Amino acid sequence: MASGKEYLDYVLEQLSGLDDISHRAMMGEYIIYYKGKVVGGIYDDRFLVKPTKSAAALMPDAPKELPYEGAKEMLLVDNIDDKEFLCRLLNAMVDELPAPKKKKR
């Protein structure tokens, strides 16, 4: 099941307090970037983030879910209605994430 544009728009609105948020459509789902780094994505109308130490600390009871078959587990963000929490979460995570890989030409 692909994610709906309405859900993407809602999550992006909730993240509007952050500068440098972007997204990319990928096979019916959406990858979410913060400061050029992949922080997570929207899969089957679920907002999932990478399981960094800070994300796990801020969401100790978050269920681990697969975004799609064969992928690594990610953390489900179930309180997407809390803008302040989402901004705090992504700000805590961003420094733990790897820099984007340089594209080969």
PDB file of N, CA and C in Angstrom:
ATOM      1  N   MET A   1       0.841  -1.188   0.000  1.00  0.00           N
ATOM      2  CA  MET A   1       0.000   0.000   0.000  1.00  0.00           C
ATOM      3  C   MET A   1       0.878   1.241   0.000  1.00  0.00           C
ATOM      4  N   ALA A   2       0.681   2.111  -0.926  1.00  0.00           N
ATOM      5  CA  ALA A   2       1.458   3.341  -1.010  1.00  0.00           C
ATOM      6  C   ALA A   2       0.919   4.376  -0.014  1.00  0.00           C
ATOM      7  N   SER A   3       1.769   5.299   0.361  1.00  0.00           N
ATOM      8  CA  SER A   3       1.368   6.361   1.280  1.00  0.00           C
ATOM      9  C   SER A   3       0.633   7.460   0.531  1.00  0.00           C
ATOM     10  N   GLY A   4      -0.295   8.087   1.223  1.00  0.00           N
ATOM     11  CA  GLY A   4      -1.068   9.168   0.621  1.00  0.00           C
ATOM     12  C   GLY A   4      -0.352  10.504   0.723  1.00  0.00           C
ATOM     13  N   LYS A   5      -0.574  11.341  -0.266  1.00  0.00           N
ATOM     14  CA  LYS A   5       0.017  12.681  -0.278  1.00  0.00           C
ATOM     15  C   LYS A   5      -0.492  13.507   0.909  1.00  0.00           C
ATOM     16  N   GLU A   6      -1.727  13.250   1.334  1.00  0.00           N
ATOM     17  CA  GLU A   6      -2.294  13.992   2.463  1.00  0.00           C
ATOM     18  C   GLU A   6      -1.497  13.725   3.745  1.00  0.00           C
ATOM     19  N   TYR A   7      -1.104  12.481   3.959  1.00  0.00           N
ATOM     20  CA  TYR A   7      -0.316  12.138   5.149  1.00  0.00           C
ATOM     21  C   TYR A   7       1.058  12.800   5.072  1.00  0.00           C
ATOM     22  N   LEU A   8       1.677  12.748   3.897  1.00  0.00           N
ATOM     23  CA  LEU A   8       2.962  13.421   3.707  1.00  0.00           C
ATOM     24  C   LEU A   8       2.829  14.904   4.033  1.00  0.00           C
ATOM     25  N   ASP A   9       1.815  15.551   3.482  1.00  0.00           N
ATOM     26  CA  ASP A   9       1.611  16.982   3.716  1.00  0.00           C
ATOM     27  C   ASP A   9       1.435  17.277   5.199  1.00  0.00           C
ATOM     28  N   TYR A  10       0.721  16.408   5.913  1.00  0.00           N
ATOM     29  CA  TYR A  10       0.516  16.603   7.346  1.00  0.00           C
ATOM     30  C   TYR A  10       1.842  16.497   8.099  1.00  0.00           C
ATOM     31  N   VAL A  11       2.630  15.484   7.802  1.00  0.00           N
ATOM     32  CA  VAL A  11       3.921  15.318   8.483  1.00  0.00           C
ATOM     33  C   VAL A  11       4.828  16.506   8.168  1.00  0.00           C
ATOM     34  N   LEU A  12       4.865  16.939   6.920  1.00  0.00           N
ATOM     35  CA  LEU A  12       5.700  18.090   6.556  1.00  0.00           C
ATOM     36  C   LEU A  12       5.237  19.352   7.271  1.00  0.00           C
ATOM     37  N   GLU A  13       3.945  19.516   7.436  1.00  0.00           N
ATOM     38  CA  GLU A  13       3.423  20.661   8.187  1.00  0.00           C
ATOM     39  C   GLU A  13       3.869  20.575   9.644  1.00  0.00           C
ATOM     40  N   GLN A  14       3.850  19.377  10.213  1.00  0.00           N
ATOM     41  CA  GLN A  14       4.289  19.199  11.597  1.00  0.00           C
ATOM     42  C   GLN A  14       5.785  19.494  11.754  1.00  0.00           C
ATOM     43  N   LEU A  15       6.554  19.312  10.683  1.00  0.00           N
ATOM     44  CA  LEU A  15       8.000  19.561  10.707  1.00  0.00           C
ATOM     45  C   LEU A  15       8.349  20.963  10.221  1.00  0.00           C
ATOM     46  N   SER A  16       7.352  21.795   9.989  1.00  0.00           N
ATOM     47  CA  SER A  16       7.589  23.117   9.392  1.00  0.00           C
ATOM     48  C   SER A  16       8.403  24.052  10.283  1.00  0.00           C
ATOM     49  N   GLY A  17       8.565  23.723  11.555  1.00  0.00           N
ATOM     50  CA  GLY A  17       9.396  24.526  12.446  1.00  0.00           C
ATOM     51  C   GLY A  17      10.886  24.341  12.212  1.00  0.00           C
ATOM     52  N   LEU A  18      11.245  23.381  11.381  1.00  0.00           N
ATOM     53  CA  LEU A  18      12.647  23.098  11.082  1.00  0.00           C
ATOM     54  C   LEU A  18      13.007  23.641   9.702  1.00  0.00           C
ATOM     55  N   ASP A  19      14.187  24.227   9.601  1.00  0.00           N
ATOM     56  CA  ASP A  19      14.703  24.636   8.289  1.00  0.00           C
ATOM     57  C   ASP A  19      15.337  23.423   7.629  1.00  0.00           C
ATOM     58  N   ASP A  20      15.369  23.437   6.331  1.00  0.00           N
ATOM     59  CA  ASP A  20      16.091  22.421   5.555  1.00  0.00           C
ATOM     60  C   ASP A  20      15.472  21.025   5.638  1.00  0.00           C
ATOM     61  N   ILE A  21      14.144  20.961   5.699  1.00  0.00           N
ATOM     62  CA  ILE A  21      13.431  19.683   5.577  1.00  0.00           C
ATOM     63  C   ILE A  21      13.091  19.501   4.107  1.00  0.00           C
ATOM     64  N   SER A  22      13.315  18.307   3.597  1.00  0.00           N
ATOM     65  CA  SER A  22      12.927  18.013   2.214  1.00  0.00           C
ATOM     66  C   SER A  22      12.462  16.565   2.144  1.00  0.00           C
ATOM     67  N   HIS A  23      11.921  16.206   0.996  1.00  0.00           N
ATOM     68  CA  HIS A  23      11.459  14.833   0.810  1.00  0.00           C
ATOM     69  C   HIS A  23      11.634  14.434  -0.648  1.00  0.00           C
ATOM     70  N   ARG A  24      11.606  13.143  -0.859  1.00  0.00           N
ATOM     71  CA  ARG A  24      11.706  12.593  -2.214  1.00  0.00           C
ATOM     72  C   ARG A  24      10.769  11.395  -2.305  1.00  0.00           C
ATOM     73  N   ALA A  25       9.987  11.373  -3.367  1.00  0.00           N
ATOM     74  CA  ALA A  25       9.107  10.227  -3.605  1.00  0.00           C
ATOM     75  C   ALA A  25       9.965   9.041  -4.040  1.00  0.00           C
ATOM     76  N   MET A  26       9.631   7.868  -3.497  1.00  0.00           N
ATOM     77  CA  MET A  26      10.404   6.671  -3.807  1.00  0.00           C
ATOM     78  C   MET A  26       9.460   5.475  -3.809  1.00  0.00           C
ATOM     79  N   MET A  27       9.108   4.995  -4.977  1.00  0.00           N
ATOM     80  CA  MET A  27       8.273   3.802  -5.141  1.00  0.00           C
ATOM     81  C   MET A  27       6.975   3.876  -4.330  1.00  0.00           C
ATOM     82  N   GLY A  28       6.274   4.989  -4.405  1.00  0.00           N
ATOM     83  CA  GLY A  28       4.999   5.137  -3.716  1.00  0.00           C
ATOM     84  C   GLY A  28       5.117   5.551  -2.263  1.00  0.00           C
ATOM     85  N   GLU A  29       6.324   5.695  -1.785  1.00  0.00           N
ATOM     86  CA  GLU A  29       6.567   6.134  -0.406  1.00  0.00           C
ATOM     87  C   GLU A  29       7.389   7.418  -0.455  1.00  0.00           C
ATOM     88  N   TYR A  30       7.778   7.952   0.704  1.00  0.00           N
ATOM     89  CA  TYR A  30       8.509   9.219   0.751  1.00  0.00           C
ATOM     90  C   TYR A  30       9.672   9.123   1.728  1.00  0.00           C
ATOM     91  N   ILE A  31      10.843   9.538   1.268  1.00  0.00           N
ATOM     92  CA  ILE A  31      12.024   9.614   2.122  1.00  0.00           C
ATOM     93  C   ILE A  31      12.069  11.042   2.678  1.00  0.00           C
ATOM     94  N   ILE A  32      12.329  11.183   3.965  1.00  0.00           N
ATOM     95  CA  ILE A  32      12.386  12.491   4.613  1.00  0.00           C
ATOM     96  C   ILE A  32      13.845  12.815   4.922  1.00  0.00           C
ATOM     97  N   TYR A  33      14.269  14.012   4.514  1.00  0.00           N
ATOM     98  CA  TYR A  33      15.632  14.492   4.734  1.00  0.00           C
ATOM     99  C   TYR A  33      15.609  15.695   5.666  1.00  0.00           C
ATOM    100  N   TYR A  34      16.615  15.769   6.524  1.00  0.00           N
ATOM    101  CA  TYR A  34      16.815  16.951   7.363  1.00  0.00           C
ATOM    102  C   TYR A  34      18.289  17.318   7.265  1.00  0.00           C
ATOM    103  N   LYS A  35      18.537  18.533   6.851  1.00  0.00           N
ATOM    104  CA  LYS A  35      19.902  19.033   6.631  1.00  0.00           C
ATOM    105  C   LYS A  35      20.668  18.114   5.679  1.00  0.00           C
ATOM    106  N   GLY A  36      19.953  17.601   4.678  1.00  0.00           N
ATOM    107  CA  GLY A  36      20.566  16.759   3.660  1.00  0.00           C
ATOM    108  C   GLY A  36      20.766  15.307   4.050  1.00  0.00           C
ATOM    109  N   LYS A  37      20.391  14.946   5.269  1.00  0.00           N
ATOM    110  CA  LYS A  37      20.572  13.567   5.754  1.00  0.00           C
ATOM    111  C   LYS A  37      19.229  12.854   5.822  1.00  0.00           C
ATOM    112  N   VAL A  38      19.224  11.576   5.498  1.00  0.00           N
ATOM    113  CA  VAL A  38      18.001  10.783   5.601  1.00  0.00           C
ATOM    114  C   VAL A  38      17.710  10.530   7.077  1.00  0.00           C
ATOM    115  N   VAL A  39      16.567  11.037   7.561  1.00  0.00           N
ATOM    116  CA  VAL A  39      16.179  10.799   8.951  1.00  0.00           C
ATOM    117  C   VAL A  39      15.134   9.703   9.055  1.00  0.00           C
ATOM    118  N   GLY A  40      14.422   9.471   7.966  1.00  0.00           N
ATOM    119  CA  GLY A  40      13.382   8.452   7.984  1.00  0.00           C
ATOM    120  C   GLY A  40      12.527   8.547   6.742  1.00  0.00           C
ATOM    121  N   GLY A  41      11.287   8.170   6.894  1.00  0.00           N
ATOM    122  CA  GLY A  41      10.405   8.216   5.749  1.00  0.00           C
ATOM    123  C   GLY A  41       8.973   7.920   6.122  1.00  0.00           C
ATOM    124  N   ILE A  42       8.132   8.030   5.121  1.00  0.00           N
ATOM    125  CA  ILE A  42       6.719   7.725   5.281  1.00  0.00           C
ATOM    126  C   ILE A  42       6.456   6.466   4.465  1.00  0.00           C
ATOM    127  N   TYR A  43       6.045   5.440   5.164  1.00  0.00           N
ATOM    128  CA  TYR A  43       5.809   4.127   4.564  1.00  0.00           C
ATOM    129  C   TYR A  43       4.432   3.647   4.992  1.00  0.00           C
ATOM    130  N   ASP A  44       3.566   3.363   4.052  1.00  0.00           N
ATOM    131  CA  ASP A  44       2.202   2.906   4.354  1.00  0.00           C
ATOM    132  C   ASP A  44       1.525   3.838   5.362  1.00  0.00           C
ATOM    133  N   ASP A  45       1.659   5.132   5.143  1.00  0.00           N
ATOM    134  CA  ASP A  45       1.079   6.156   6.021  1.00  0.00           C
ATOM    135  C   ASP A  45       1.520   6.013   7.468  1.00  0.00           C
ATOM    136  N   ARG A  46       2.805   5.656   7.641  1.00  0.00           N
ATOM    137  CA  ARG A  46       3.443   5.621   8.965  1.00  0.00           C
ATOM    138  C   ARG A  46       4.715   6.448   8.859  1.00  0.00           C
ATOM    139  N   PHE A  47       4.998   7.277   9.859  1.00  0.00           N
ATOM    140  CA  PHE A  47       6.241   8.038   9.901  1.00  0.00           C
ATOM    141  C   PHE A  47       7.241   7.217  10.697  1.00  0.00           C
ATOM    142  N   LEU A  48       8.267   6.717  10.009  1.00  0.00           N
ATOM    143  CA  LEU A  48       9.305   5.907  10.634  1.00  0.00           C
ATOM    144  C   LEU A  48      10.626   6.660  10.573  1.00  0.00           C
ATOM    145  N   VAL A  49      11.411   6.569  11.651  1.00  0.00           N
ATOM    146  CA  VAL A  49      12.720   7.216  11.684  1.00  0.00           C
ATOM    147  C   VAL A  49      13.807   6.182  11.942  1.00  0.00           C
ATOM    148  N   LYS A  50      15.025   6.558  11.572  1.00  0.00           N
ATOM    149  CA  LYS A  50      16.158   5.662  11.798  1.00  0.00           C
ATOM    150  C   LYS A  50      16.361   5.472  13.305  1.00  0.00           C
ATOM    151  N   PRO A  51      16.759   4.292  13.716  1.00  0.00           N
ATOM    152  CA  PRO A  51      16.879   3.989  15.150  1.00  0.00           C
ATOM    153  C   PRO A  51      18.203   4.475  15.742  1.00  0.00           C
ATOM    154  N   THR A  52      18.406   5.778  15.773  1.00  0.00           N
ATOM    155  CA  THR A  52      19.614   6.331  16.386  1.00  0.00           C
ATOM    156  C   THR A  52      19.497   6.242  17.907  1.00  0.00           C
ATOM    157  N   LYS A  53      20.618   6.440  18.596  1.00  0.00           N
ATOM    158  CA  LYS A  53      20.595   6.392  20.057  1.00  0.00           C
ATOM    159  C   LYS A  53      19.661   7.454  20.626  1.00  0.00           C
ATOM    160  N   SER A  54      19.714   8.662  20.064  1.00  0.00           N
ATOM    161  CA  SER A  54      18.863   9.733  20.601  1.00  0.00           C
ATOM    162  C   SER A  54      17.391   9.481  20.307  1.00  0.00           C
ATOM    163  N   ALA A  55      17.072   8.920  19.142  1.00  0.00           N
ATOM    164  CA  ALA A  55      15.668   8.604  18.833  1.00  0.00           C
ATOM    165  C   ALA A  55      15.152   7.543  19.800  1.00  0.00           C
ATOM    166  N   ALA A  56      15.970   6.537  20.067  1.00  0.00           N
ATOM    167  CA  ALA A  56      15.567   5.484  21.009  1.00  0.00           C
ATOM    168  C   ALA A  56      15.411   6.050  22.423  1.00  0.00           C
ATOM    169  N   ALA A  57      16.250   7.014  22.792  1.00  0.00           N
ATOM    170  CA  ALA A  57      16.158   7.618  24.124  1.00  0.00           C
ATOM    171  C   ALA A  57      14.900   8.480  24.253  1.00  0.00           C
ATOM    172  N   LEU A  58      14.548   9.193  23.190  1.00  0.00           N
ATOM    173  CA  LEU A  58      13.365  10.051  23.226  1.00  0.00           C
ATOM    174  C   LEU A  58      12.068   9.254  23.084  1.00  0.00           C
ATOM    175  N   MET A  59      12.156   8.073  22.483  1.00  0.00           N
ATOM    176  CA  MET A  59      10.970   7.228  22.285  1.00  0.00           C
ATOM    177  C   MET A  59      11.277   5.806  22.761  1.00  0.00           C
ATOM    178  N   PRO A  60      11.490   5.622  24.057  1.00  0.00           N
ATOM    179  CA  PRO A  60      11.916   4.313  24.558  1.00  0.00           C
ATOM    180  C   PRO A  60      10.912   3.188  24.309  1.00  0.00           C
ATOM    181  N   ASP A  61       9.654   3.513  24.164  1.00  0.00           N
ATOM    182  CA  ASP A  61       8.631   2.485  23.960  1.00  0.00           C
ATOM    183  C   ASP A  61       8.177   2.372  22.510  1.00  0.00           C
ATOM    184  N   ALA A  62       8.871   3.072  21.616  1.00  0.00           N
ATOM    185  CA  ALA A  62       8.461   3.055  20.207  1.00  0.00           C
ATOM    186  C   ALA A  62       8.641   1.671  19.606  1.00  0.00           C
ATOM    187  N   PRO A  63       7.616   1.172  18.932  1.00  0.00           N
ATOM    188  CA  PRO A  63       7.766  -0.125  18.279  1.00  0.00           C
ATOM    189  C   PRO A  63       8.713  -0.040  17.089  1.00  0.00           C
ATOM    190  N   LYS A  64       9.461  -1.114  16.874  1.00  0.00           N
ATOM    191  CA  LYS A  64      10.328  -1.200  15.700  1.00  0.00           C
ATOM    192  C   LYS A  64       9.518  -1.852  14.591  1.00  0.00           C
ATOM    193  N   GLU A  65       9.528  -1.228  13.422  1.00  0.00           N
ATOM    194  CA  GLU A  65       8.746  -1.734  12.309  1.00  0.00           C
ATOM    195  C   GLU A  65       9.574  -1.725  11.035  1.00  0.00           C
ATOM    196  N   LEU A  66       9.217  -2.595  10.125  1.00  0.00           N
ATOM    197  CA  LEU A  66       9.883  -2.639   8.826  1.00  0.00           C
ATOM    198  C   LEU A  66       9.179  -1.683   7.868  1.00  0.00           C
ATOM    199  N   PRO A  67       9.931  -0.803   7.229  1.00  0.00           N
ATOM    200  CA  PRO A  67       9.298   0.088   6.257  1.00  0.00           C
ATOM    201  C   PRO A  67       8.790  -0.675   5.035  1.00  0.00           C
ATOM    202  N   TYR A  68       9.528  -1.717   4.660  1.00  0.00           N
ATOM    203  CA  TYR A  68       9.152  -2.581   3.536  1.00  0.00           C
ATOM    204  C   TYR A  68       9.923  -3.882   3.674  1.00  0.00           C
ATOM    205  N   GLU A  69       9.503  -4.883   2.945  1.00  0.00           N
ATOM    206  CA  GLU A  69      10.120  -6.210   3.010  1.00  0.00           C
ATOM    207  C   GLU A  69      11.621  -6.130   2.707  1.00  0.00           C
ATOM    208  N   GLY A  70      12.433  -6.704   3.569  1.00  0.00           N
ATOM    209  CA  GLY A  70      13.871  -6.749   3.359  1.00  0.00           C
ATOM    210  C   GLY A  70      14.638  -5.545   3.885  1.00  0.00           C
ATOM    211  N   ALA A  71      13.940  -4.575   4.462  1.00  0.00           N
ATOM    212  CA  ALA A  71      14.600  -3.367   4.980  1.00  0.00           C
ATOM    213  C   ALA A  71      15.001  -3.565   6.439  1.00  0.00           C
ATOM    214  N   LYS A  72      15.823  -2.649   6.930  1.00  0.00           N
ATOM    215  CA  LYS A  72      16.182  -2.645   8.344  1.00  0.00           C
ATOM    216  C   LYS A  72      15.040  -2.033   9.146  1.00  0.00           C
ATOM    217  N   GLU A  73      14.916  -2.471  10.396  1.00  0.00           N
ATOM    218  CA  GLU A  73      13.865  -1.943  11.259  1.00  0.00           C
ATOM    219  C   GLU A  73      14.082  -0.453  11.539  1.00  0.00           C
ATOM    220  N   MET A  74      12.966   0.237  11.661  1.00  0.00           N
ATOM    221  CA  MET A  74      12.973   1.652  11.998  1.00  0.00           C
ATOM    222  C   MET A  74      12.014   1.857  13.165  1.00  0.00           C
ATOM    223  N   LEU A  75      12.066   3.032  13.780  1.00  0.00           N
ATOM    224  CA  LEU A  75      11.193   3.337  14.914  1.00  0.00           C
ATOM    225  C   LEU A  75       9.937   4.055  14.435  1.00  0.00           C
ATOM    226  N   LEU A  76       8.785   3.603  14.902  1.00  0.00           N
ATOM    227  CA  LEU A  76       7.520   4.242  14.562  1.00  0.00           C
ATOM    228  C   LEU A  76       7.322   5.479  15.429  1.00  0.00           C
ATOM    229  N   VAL A  77       7.082   6.605  14.794  1.00  0.00           N
ATOM    230  CA  VAL A  77       6.760   7.836  15.514  1.00  0.00           C
ATOM    231  C   VAL A  77       5.241   7.883  15.600  1.00  0.00           C
ATOM    232  N   ASP A  78       4.721   7.650  16.792  1.00  0.00           N
ATOM    233  CA  ASP A  78       3.267   7.586  16.909  1.00  0.00           C
ATOM    234  C   ASP A  78       2.632   8.872  17.415  1.00  0.00           C
ATOM    235  N   ASN A  79       3.439   9.832  17.855  1.00  0.00           N
ATOM    236  CA  ASN A  79       2.868  11.099  18.318  1.00  0.00           C
ATOM    237  C   ASN A  79       3.209  12.226  17.332  1.00  0.00           C
ATOM    238  N   ILE A  80       2.778  12.042  16.100  1.00  0.00           N
ATOM    239  CA  ILE A  80       3.086  13.049  15.076  1.00  0.00           C
ATOM    240  C   ILE A  80       2.286  14.332  15.250  1.00  0.00           C
ATOM    241  N   ASP A  81       1.353  14.346  16.192  1.00  0.00           N
ATOM    242  CA  ASP A  81       0.579  15.564  16.421  1.00  0.00           C
ATOM    243  C   ASP A  81       1.342  16.582  17.270  1.00  0.00           C
ATOM    244  N   ASP A  82       2.465  16.195  17.849  1.00  0.00           N
ATOM    245  CA  ASP A  82       3.247  17.057  18.723  1.00  0.00           C
ATOM    246  C   ASP A  82       4.414  17.674  17.933  1.00  0.00           C
ATOM    247  N   LYS A  83       4.190  18.876  17.400  1.00  0.00           N
ATOM    248  CA  LYS A  83       5.202  19.547  16.571  1.00  0.00           C
ATOM    249  C   LYS A  83       6.510  19.742  17.323  1.00  0.00           C
ATOM    250  N   GLU A  84       6.406  20.191  18.570  1.00  0.00           N
ATOM    251  CA  GLU A  84       7.606  20.472  19.367  1.00  0.00           C
ATOM    252  C   GLU A  84       8.440  19.202  19.553  1.00  0.00           C
ATOM    253  N   PHE A  85       7.777  18.087  19.842  1.00  0.00           N
ATOM    254  CA  PHE A  85       8.486  16.821  20.007  1.00  0.00           C
ATOM    255  C   PHE A  85       9.184  16.416  18.708  1.00  0.00           C
ATOM    256  N   LEU A  86       8.493  16.539  17.579  1.00  0.00           N
ATOM    257  CA  LEU A  86       9.083  16.143  16.292  1.00  0.00           C
ATOM    258  C   LEU A  86      10.331  16.969  15.984  1.00  0.00           C
ATOM    259  N   CYS A  87      10.275  18.259  16.250  1.00  0.00           N
ATOM    260  CA  CYS A  87      11.447  19.110  16.007  1.00  0.00           C
ATOM    261  C   CYS A  87      12.597  18.702  16.925  1.00  0.00           C
ATOM    262  N   ARG A  88      12.290  18.442  18.189  1.00  0.00           N
ATOM    263  CA  ARG A  88      13.319  18.007  19.150  1.00  0.00           C
ATOM    264  C   ARG A  88      13.916  16.663  18.715  1.00  0.00           C
ATOM    265  N   LEU A  89      13.065  15.754  18.255  1.00  0.00           N
ATOM    266  CA  LEU A  89      13.516  14.439  17.808  1.00  0.00           C
ATOM    267  C   LEU A  89      14.493  14.557  16.644  1.00  0.00           C
ATOM    268  N   LEU A  90      14.124  15.272  15.609  1.00  0.00           N
ATOM    269  CA  LEU A  90      14.986  15.378  14.430  1.00  0.00           C
ATOM    270  C   LEU A  90      16.270  16.138  14.739  1.00  0.00           C
ATOM    271  N   ASN A  91      16.180  17.176  15.579  1.00  0.00           N
ATOM    272  CA  ASN A  91      17.397  17.900  15.967  1.00  0.00           C
ATOM    273  C   ASN A  91      18.348  17.004  16.751  1.00  0.00           C
ATOM    274  N   ALA A  92      17.817  16.134  17.581  1.00  0.00           N
ATOM    275  CA  ALA A  92      18.656  15.217  18.352  1.00  0.00           C
ATOM    276  C   ALA A  92      19.296  14.169  17.445  1.00  0.00           C
ATOM    277  N   MET A  93      18.582  13.731  16.437  1.00  0.00           N
ATOM    278  CA  MET A  93      19.044  12.654  15.563  1.00  0.00           C
ATOM    279  C   MET A  93      20.091  13.084  14.544  1.00  0.00           C
ATOM    280  N   VAL A  94      19.985  14.297  14.034  1.00  0.00           N
ATOM    281  CA  VAL A  94      20.712  14.673  12.815  1.00  0.00           C
ATOM    282  C   VAL A  94      22.229  14.508  12.926  1.00  0.00           C
ATOM    283  N   ASP A  95      22.801  14.800  14.074  1.00  0.00           N
ATOM    284  CA  ASP A  95      24.259  14.690  14.196  1.00  0.00           C
ATOM    285  C   ASP A  95      24.732  13.242  14.261  1.00  0.00           C
ATOM    286  N   GLU A  96      23.840  12.312  14.563  1.00  0.00           N
ATOM    287  CA  GLU A  96      24.199  10.892  14.626  1.00  0.00           C
ATOM    288  C   GLU A  96      24.116  10.200  13.269  1.00  0.00           C
ATOM    289  N   LEU A  97      23.529  10.868  12.304  1.00  0.00           N
ATOM    290  CA  LEU A  97      23.325  10.255  10.987  1.00  0.00           C
ATOM    291  C   LEU A  97      24.515  10.506  10.077  1.00  0.00           C
ATOM    292  N   PRO A  98      24.804   9.556   9.202  1.00  0.00           N
ATOM    293  CA  PRO A  98      25.944   9.735   8.289  1.00  0.00           C
ATOM    294  C   PRO A  98      25.665  10.829   7.254  1.00  0.00           C
ATOM    295  N   ALA A  99      26.732  11.468   6.817  1.00  0.00           N
ATOM    296  CA  ALA A  99      26.614  12.460   5.748  1.00  0.00           C
ATOM    297  C   ALA A  99      26.185  11.760   4.471  1.00  0.00           C
ATOM    298  N   PRO A 100      25.481  12.470   3.609  1.00  0.00           N
ATOM    299  CA  PRO A 100      25.084  11.829   2.342  1.00  0.00           C
ATOM    300  C   PRO A 100      26.299  11.449   1.522  1.00  0.00           C
ATOM    301  N   LYS A 101      26.163  10.335   0.800  1.00  0.00           N
ATOM    302  CA  LYS A 101      27.259   9.877  -0.041  1.00  0.00           C
ATOM    303  C   LYS A 101      27.369  10.756  -1.282  1.00  0.00           C
ATOM    304  N   LYS A 102      28.587  10.990  -1.696  1.00  0.00           N
ATOM    305  CA  LYS A 102      28.819  11.768  -2.918  1.00  0.00           C
ATOM    306  C   LYS A 102      28.402  10.937  -4.124  1.00  0.00           C
ATOM    307  N   LYS A 103      27.718  11.566  -5.041  1.00  0.00           N
ATOM    308  CA  LYS A 103      27.298  10.857  -6.253  1.00  0.00           C
ATOM    309  C   LYS A 103      28.464  10.709  -7.210  1.00  0.00           C
ATOM    310  N   LYS A 104      28.603   9.508  -7.765  1.00  0.00           N
ATOM    311  CA  LYS A 104      29.651   9.271  -8.747  1.00  0.00           C
ATOM    312  C   LYS A 104      29.189   9.738 -10.113  1.00  0.00           C
ATOM    313  N   ARG A 105      30.105  10.266 -10.860  1.00  0.00           N
ATOM    314  CA  ARG A 105      29.741  10.750 -12.210  1.00  0.00           C
ATOM    315  C   ARG A 105      30.429   9.957 -13.261  1.00  0.00           C
TER     316      ARG A 105
END
